[in-house]
């Protein structure tokens, strides 16, 4: 029996733990709050994040990181991306030397502009052949409801990607493998920022033409940046690219989309944060992604304007005017 540890008791970590359990894995979750850990152990429910999901008996929880990883084959990291470095550092000594280390996180680190796999490698001194990225159109509530979905499991070592894919291949969850870690990871991070822009447009009362335009041009920005970083362009036409982008930009279940809608309706960033319980990764990552793009000389006007709204107080209505007044050019540039 495959044994897995899942660090993080938020929506996606909990849903993914259930996926692993449904394929026959024994799963130990790690959580910071003792009361939530006790709730998972006693009632098999994470009422804070997925109250309608009855967790399989194969899932247990602990606040002890050493206990969580004891004897496991797979370690899954599902904490907020900007907290990964601080969280991972004290866990490193406990990680089994041969375990796959899986990132469910979709962000770029502020200050370093590193992708999550790069942070894992740096902090954990873990080789790239052991680091696996899972990304795709994976809204946690729909997966918790066992609605059919697919994802990409990416690793530089194809056999390691297959190992993790086998562990999470549930009847309702279909993993596809890839060796393009950069493209898979970047697609998951940038789509959160584009979803903020789409949400703002919706909040301002704009329709499907506008939202489709933002999604398509946002994909173009992602592709330009991805190619500059060495990603395979084909990745962005697949599940980790356009698939994840559509789901995140269009679904009311998307935290980034919902955050953007509130901004478009006139709320300030601080006001939205005060009313939002869960992390909208694009809010934190947009500045880091913009810095990454500037470092590589890549033009990303949508990302740039979202960052200006979030960090500089620019009004969402001004963003539309600025984007529409840019100099015309060929679509493929």
Protein backbone atom coordinates (compact mmCIF):
# COMPACT_ATOMS: atom_id res chain seq x y z
CA UNK A 1 0.00 0.00 0.00
CA UNK A 2 1.26 3.45 -0.94
CA UNK A 3 1.56 5.80 2.02
CA UNK A 4 1.30 9.56 1.59
CA UNK A 5 1.57 12.65 3.75
CA UNK A 6 -0.33 15.82 2.89
CA UNK A 7 0.93 19.02 4.48
CA UNK A 8 -1.96 21.48 4.58
CA UNK A 9 -5.61 21.13 5.53
CA UNK A 10 -7.09 23.71 3.19
CA UNK A 11 -9.57 22.95 0.41
CA UNK A 12 -7.20 21.57 -2.21
CA UNK A 13 -4.99 19.68 0.24
CA UNK A 14 -8.05 18.02 1.76
CA UNK A 15 -9.61 17.18 -1.62
CA UNK A 16 -6.33 15.73 -2.90
CA UNK A 17 -5.94 13.67 0.27
CA UNK A 18 -9.37 12.20 -0.48
CA UNK A 19 -8.32 11.43 -4.06
CA UNK A 20 -5.25 9.57 -2.80
CA UNK A 21 -7.33 7.64 -0.28
CA UNK A 22 -9.87 6.72 -2.95
CA UNK A 23 -7.09 5.09 -5.00
CA UNK A 24 -6.07 2.92 -2.05
CA UNK A 25 -3.37 5.06 -0.41
CA UNK A 26 -3.01 5.45 3.33
CA UNK A 27 -2.92 9.23 3.97
CA UNK A 28 -1.69 11.18 6.97
CA UNK A 29 -2.52 14.89 6.87
CA UNK A 30 -0.55 17.52 8.75
CA UNK A 31 -2.37 20.55 10.12
CA UNK A 32 -1.27 23.50 12.24
CA UNK A 33 -4.49 23.77 14.27
CA UNK A 34 -5.09 21.00 16.79
CA UNK A 35 -8.86 21.52 16.79
CA UNK A 36 -9.08 20.95 13.04
CA UNK A 37 -6.82 17.90 13.25
CA UNK A 38 -9.05 16.47 15.99
CA UNK A 39 -12.12 17.14 13.87
CA UNK A 40 -10.65 15.21 10.93
CA UNK A 41 -9.70 12.28 13.17
CA UNK A 42 -12.95 12.11 15.11
CA UNK A 43 -15.62 13.01 12.57
CA UNK A 44 -13.76 12.53 9.24
CA UNK A 45 -14.86 16.00 8.15
CA UNK A 46 -12.96 19.22 7.48
CA UNK A 47 -15.84 21.54 8.30
CA UNK A 48 -13.77 24.70 7.83
CA UNK A 49 -13.10 24.10 4.15
CA UNK A 50 -15.06 21.15 2.70
CA UNK A 51 -17.91 20.48 5.12
CA UNK A 52 -19.82 18.27 2.66
CA UNK A 53 -16.94 15.86 2.09
CA UNK A 54 -16.91 12.76 4.28
CA UNK A 55 -13.24 11.79 4.37
CA UNK A 56 -12.35 8.11 3.86
CA UNK A 57 -11.26 6.07 6.87
CA UNK A 58 -7.80 5.79 5.30
CA UNK A 59 -7.18 9.46 6.17
CA UNK A 60 -5.91 10.55 9.56
CA UNK A 61 -4.33 13.82 10.74
CA UNK A 62 -1.64 15.06 13.08
CA UNK A 63 0.05 18.28 14.17
CA UNK A 64 3.43 16.49 14.32
CA UNK A 65 5.34 16.78 10.99
CA UNK A 66 7.67 13.91 11.90
CA UNK A 67 4.70 11.62 12.50
CA UNK A 68 3.04 12.76 9.28
CA UNK A 69 5.94 11.66 7.06
CA UNK A 70 7.01 8.51 8.90
CA UNK A 71 7.35 5.71 6.35
CA UNK A 72 5.61 7.55 3.50
CA UNK A 73 6.32 7.16 -0.21
CA UNK A 74 4.83 10.53 -1.26
CA UNK A 75 4.95 13.90 0.48
CA UNK A 76 2.36 16.43 -0.77
CA UNK A 77 2.81 20.13 -0.03
CA UNK A 78 -0.43 22.14 -0.09
CA UNK A 79 0.29 25.28 1.91
CA UNK A 80 -0.11 28.88 0.60
CA UNK A 81 2.72 29.53 -1.84
CA UNK A 82 4.11 32.57 -0.02
CA UNK A 83 4.37 30.50 3.18
CA UNK A 84 6.14 27.52 1.62
CA UNK A 85 9.71 28.57 2.46
CA UNK A 86 9.01 29.25 6.14
CA UNK A 87 6.91 26.10 6.52
CA UNK A 88 9.23 23.72 4.68
CA UNK A 89 12.46 24.64 6.49
CA UNK A 90 11.60 22.89 9.79
CA UNK A 91 10.18 19.85 7.96
CA UNK A 92 13.26 19.10 5.87
CA UNK A 93 15.01 16.84 8.37
CA UNK A 94 11.93 14.60 8.58
CA UNK A 95 11.42 13.98 4.85
CA UNK A 96 12.15 10.40 3.72
CA UNK A 97 15.16 10.44 1.34
CA UNK A 98 13.42 8.53 -1.47
CA UNK A 99 9.92 9.99 -1.25
CA UNK A 100 8.38 11.94 -4.11
CA UNK A 101 7.76 15.55 -3.07
CA UNK A 102 4.60 16.86 -4.71
CA UNK A 103 3.65 20.52 -5.06
CA UNK A 104 -0.03 21.45 -5.30
CA UNK A 105 0.83 25.15 -4.97
CA UNK A 106 0.26 27.67 -7.74
CA UNK A 107 2.33 30.76 -7.20
CA UNK A 108 5.65 32.55 -7.63
CA UNK A 109 7.59 33.58 -4.54
CA UNK A 110 7.76 37.26 -3.70
CA UNK A 111 11.29 38.60 -3.48
CA UNK A 112 12.96 35.71 -5.32
CA UNK A 113 10.56 35.16 -8.28
CA UNK A 114 11.14 31.43 -7.82
CA UNK A 115 8.56 28.83 -8.77
CA UNK A 116 7.42 26.51 -6.00
CA UNK A 117 9.50 23.58 -7.27
CA UNK A 118 12.57 25.83 -7.15
CA UNK A 119 11.81 26.79 -3.55
CA UNK A 120 11.39 23.11 -2.65
CA UNK A 121 14.73 22.24 -4.27
CA UNK A 122 16.52 25.12 -2.56
CA UNK A 123 15.09 24.80 0.94
CA UNK A 124 14.82 21.02 1.04
CA UNK A 125 18.03 20.23 -0.88
CA UNK A 126 15.88 17.92 -2.97
CA UNK A 127 16.87 16.86 -6.48
CA UNK A 128 14.64 17.85 -9.39
CA UNK A 129 14.05 14.17 -10.15
CA UNK A 130 12.05 13.84 -6.91
CA UNK A 131 9.97 17.02 -7.23
CA UNK A 132 6.56 16.62 -8.87
CA UNK A 133 4.08 19.35 -9.80
CA UNK A 134 0.32 18.71 -10.03
CA UNK A 135 -1.67 21.36 -11.88
CA UNK A 136 -4.81 21.57 -13.99
CA UNK A 137 -8.50 22.58 -13.91
CA UNK A 138 -8.90 21.31 -10.37
CA UNK A 139 -11.49 23.27 -8.39
CA UNK A 140 -11.43 21.62 -4.99
CA UNK A 141 -15.17 21.61 -4.31
CA UNK A 142 -15.96 19.87 -7.60
CA UNK A 143 -13.30 17.22 -7.00
CA UNK A 144 -14.57 16.73 -3.45
CA UNK A 145 -17.97 16.07 -5.04
CA UNK A 146 -16.27 13.46 -7.27
CA UNK A 147 -17.15 15.27 -10.48
CA UNK A 148 -14.89 14.06 -13.34
CA UNK A 149 -11.70 16.08 -13.75
CA UNK A 150 -8.20 15.70 -15.13
CA UNK A 151 -4.81 17.12 -14.21
CA UNK A 152 -1.16 17.18 -15.22
CA UNK A 153 1.48 15.44 -13.12
CA UNK A 154 4.86 16.83 -14.16
CA UNK A 155 8.40 15.85 -13.21
CA UNK A 156 11.77 15.95 -14.97
CA UNK A 157 11.92 12.20 -14.22
CA UNK A 158 9.10 10.61 -16.21
CA UNK A 159 9.06 7.49 -14.01
CA UNK A 160 8.54 9.63 -10.90
CA UNK A 161 5.67 11.45 -12.61
CA UNK A 162 4.10 8.08 -13.44
CA UNK A 163 4.55 6.92 -9.85
CA UNK A 164 2.60 9.88 -8.51
CA UNK A 165 0.03 9.70 -11.32
CA UNK A 166 -0.68 6.08 -10.43
CA UNK A 167 -1.21 7.06 -6.78
CA UNK A 168 -3.83 9.71 -7.64
CA UNK A 169 -5.65 7.99 -10.53
CA UNK A 170 -9.12 7.79 -9.01
CA UNK A 171 -12.24 6.85 -11.04
CA UNK A 172 -13.22 10.53 -11.15
CA UNK A 173 -9.70 12.03 -11.34
CA UNK A 174 -7.56 11.36 -14.41
CA UNK A 175 -3.86 12.37 -14.29
CA UNK A 176 -1.76 12.90 -17.42
CA UNK A 177 2.04 12.90 -17.09
CA UNK A 178 4.50 15.45 -18.43
CA UNK A 179 8.18 16.31 -18.12
CA UNK A 180 7.55 20.06 -18.59
CA UNK A 181 7.71 21.20 -14.98
CA UNK A 182 8.30 24.84 -15.92
CA UNK A 183 5.28 25.14 -18.20
CA UNK A 184 2.98 23.18 -15.90
CA UNK A 185 3.95 25.30 -12.92
CA UNK A 186 3.88 28.64 -14.72
CA UNK A 187 0.45 27.99 -16.22
CA UNK A 188 -0.92 27.34 -12.75
CA UNK A 189 0.58 30.51 -11.29
CA UNK A 190 -0.24 33.01 -14.04
CA UNK A 191 -3.84 31.92 -14.54
CA UNK A 192 -4.62 33.18 -11.03
CA UNK A 193 -3.61 36.70 -12.07
CA UNK A 194 -5.61 36.53 -15.29
CA UNK A 195 -8.61 35.31 -13.27
CA UNK A 196 -8.38 38.44 -11.14
CA UNK A 197 -8.61 40.52 -14.33
CA UNK A 198 -11.59 38.53 -15.63
CA UNK A 199 -13.30 38.85 -12.27
CA UNK A 200 -12.78 42.62 -12.29
CA UNK A 201 -14.34 42.82 -15.73
CA UNK A 202 -17.35 40.81 -14.55
CA UNK A 203 -17.67 42.94 -11.45
CA UNK A 204 -17.82 46.03 -13.65
CA UNK A 205 -20.70 44.49 -15.62
CA UNK A 206 -18.75 43.51 -18.73
CA UNK A 207 -19.86 40.53 -20.78
CA UNK A 208 -18.44 37.45 -22.41
CA UNK A 209 -16.67 39.26 -25.25
CA UNK A 210 -14.57 41.17 -22.75
CA UNK A 211 -13.89 38.15 -20.57
CA UNK A 212 -12.96 35.99 -23.56
CA UNK A 213 -10.59 38.69 -24.77
CA UNK A 214 -8.84 38.86 -21.40
CA UNK A 215 -8.55 35.07 -21.19
CA UNK A 216 -7.11 34.77 -24.70
CA UNK A 217 -4.64 37.62 -24.36
CA UNK A 218 -3.77 36.40 -20.87
CA UNK A 219 -2.88 33.05 -22.39
CA UNK A 220 -0.64 34.88 -24.87
CA UNK A 221 1.19 36.56 -21.99
CA UNK A 222 1.61 33.21 -20.23
CA UNK A 223 2.95 31.63 -23.41
CA UNK A 224 5.47 34.43 -24.01
CA UNK A 225 6.79 34.20 -20.48
CA UNK A 226 6.81 30.41 -20.53
CA UNK A 227 8.83 30.22 -23.72
CA UNK A 228 11.35 32.68 -22.27
CA UNK A 229 11.75 30.40 -19.26
CA UNK A 230 12.24 27.29 -21.41
CA UNK A 231 8.75 25.77 -21.20
CA UNK A 232 7.26 23.66 -23.97
CA UNK A 233 4.67 25.87 -25.78
CA UNK A 234 2.39 22.85 -26.23
CA UNK A 235 1.85 22.71 -22.46
CA UNK A 236 -0.14 25.94 -22.56
CA UNK A 237 -2.69 24.47 -24.95
CA UNK A 238 -3.36 21.61 -22.55
CA UNK A 239 -4.86 21.01 -19.13
CA UNK A 240 -2.20 22.93 -17.20
CA UNK A 241 -2.53 25.87 -19.56
CA UNK A 242 -5.82 26.76 -21.22
CA UNK A 243 -7.73 24.12 -19.22
CA UNK A 244 -6.80 25.57 -15.84
CA UNK A 245 -7.14 29.11 -17.19
CA UNK A 246 -10.76 28.59 -18.28
CA UNK A 247 -11.81 26.95 -15.02
CA UNK A 248 -10.20 29.59 -12.84
CA UNK A 249 -11.34 32.56 -14.89
CA UNK A 250 -14.97 31.52 -15.34
CA UNK A 251 -16.03 29.65 -12.20
CA UNK A 252 -17.60 31.34 -9.17
CA UNK A 253 -15.80 28.63 -7.15
CA UNK A 254 -12.48 30.23 -8.10
CA UNK A 255 -11.12 32.35 -5.25
CA UNK A 256 -9.16 34.56 -7.64
CA UNK A 257 -12.16 35.13 -9.90
CA UNK A 258 -14.38 35.96 -6.93
CA UNK A 259 -11.75 38.30 -5.49
CA UNK A 260 -11.58 40.13 -8.82
CA UNK A 261 -15.38 40.45 -9.00
CA UNK A 262 -15.40 42.25 -5.66
CA UNK A 263 -12.64 44.59 -6.82
CA UNK A 264 -14.63 45.32 -9.97
CA UNK A 265 -17.65 46.22 -7.85
CA UNK A 266 -15.66 48.90 -6.07
CA UNK A 267 -14.26 47.20 -2.98
CA UNK A 268 -10.66 47.89 -2.02
CA UNK A 269 -8.10 45.11 -1.76
CA UNK A 270 -8.14 45.46 2.03
CA UNK A 271 -11.93 45.21 2.12
CA UNK A 272 -11.94 42.05 0.00
CA UNK A 273 -9.20 40.45 2.10
CA UNK A 274 -11.25 41.18 5.23
CA UNK A 275 -14.24 39.30 3.78
CA UNK A 276 -12.29 36.43 2.19
CA UNK A 277 -11.38 33.44 4.31
CA UNK A 278 -9.17 31.58 1.86
CA UNK A 279 -6.03 32.63 -0.01
CA UNK A 280 -6.35 34.08 -3.50
CA UNK A 281 -2.87 33.24 -4.75
CA UNK A 282 -2.93 35.74 -7.62
CA UNK A 283 -3.14 38.65 -5.19
CA UNK A 284 0.17 37.68 -3.61
CA UNK A 285 1.90 36.37 -6.75
CA UNK A 286 1.02 39.04 -9.31
CA UNK A 287 3.92 41.31 -8.33
CA UNK A 288 6.41 38.43 -8.33
CA UNK A 289 5.21 37.26 -11.76
CA UNK A 290 5.50 40.82 -13.09
CA UNK A 291 9.07 41.06 -11.78
CA UNK A 292 9.88 37.72 -13.40
CA UNK A 293 8.51 38.93 -16.73
CA UNK A 294 10.42 42.21 -16.54
CA UNK A 295 13.64 40.36 -15.75
CA UNK A 296 13.22 38.42 -19.01
CA UNK A 297 12.04 41.44 -21.01
CA UNK A 298 8.54 40.02 -21.61
CA UNK A 299 5.56 42.32 -22.21
CA UNK A 300 2.67 41.34 -19.92
CA UNK A 301 0.19 44.25 -19.88
CA UNK A 302 -2.68 42.38 -18.21
CA UNK A 303 -0.45 41.14 -15.40
CA UNK A 304 1.09 44.59 -15.07
CA UNK A 305 -2.30 46.25 -14.69
CA UNK A 306 -3.58 43.68 -12.20
CA UNK A 307 -0.48 44.27 -10.09
CA UNK A 308 -1.15 48.02 -10.28
CA UNK A 309 -4.70 47.53 -9.00
CA UNK A 310 -3.58 45.27 -6.16
CA UNK A 311 -0.46 47.12 -5.08
CA UNK A 312 -0.78 50.69 -6.35
CA UNK A 313 -4.46 51.45 -5.98
CA UNK A 314 -5.23 51.73 -9.71
CA UNK A 315 -8.96 51.55 -10.44
CA UNK A 316 -10.23 48.53 -12.40
CA UNK A 317 -12.04 50.90 -14.78
CA UNK A 318 -8.75 52.55 -15.66
CA UNK A 319 -7.28 49.17 -16.58
CA UNK A 320 -9.81 48.64 -19.38
CA UNK A 321 -9.04 52.06 -20.84
CA UNK A 322 -5.29 51.49 -20.70
CA UNK A 323 -5.45 48.05 -22.30
CA UNK A 324 -7.76 49.17 -25.10
CA UNK A 325 -5.62 52.21 -25.93
CA UNK A 326 -2.38 50.26 -26.40
CA UNK A 327 -0.72 50.44 -29.81
CA UNK A 328 -2.15 47.95 -32.29
CA UNK A 329 -0.01 45.01 -33.39
CA UNK A 330 -0.21 41.58 -35.02
CA UNK A 331 -2.02 39.03 -32.87
CA UNK A 332 0.88 36.59 -32.75
CA UNK A 333 3.29 39.13 -31.25
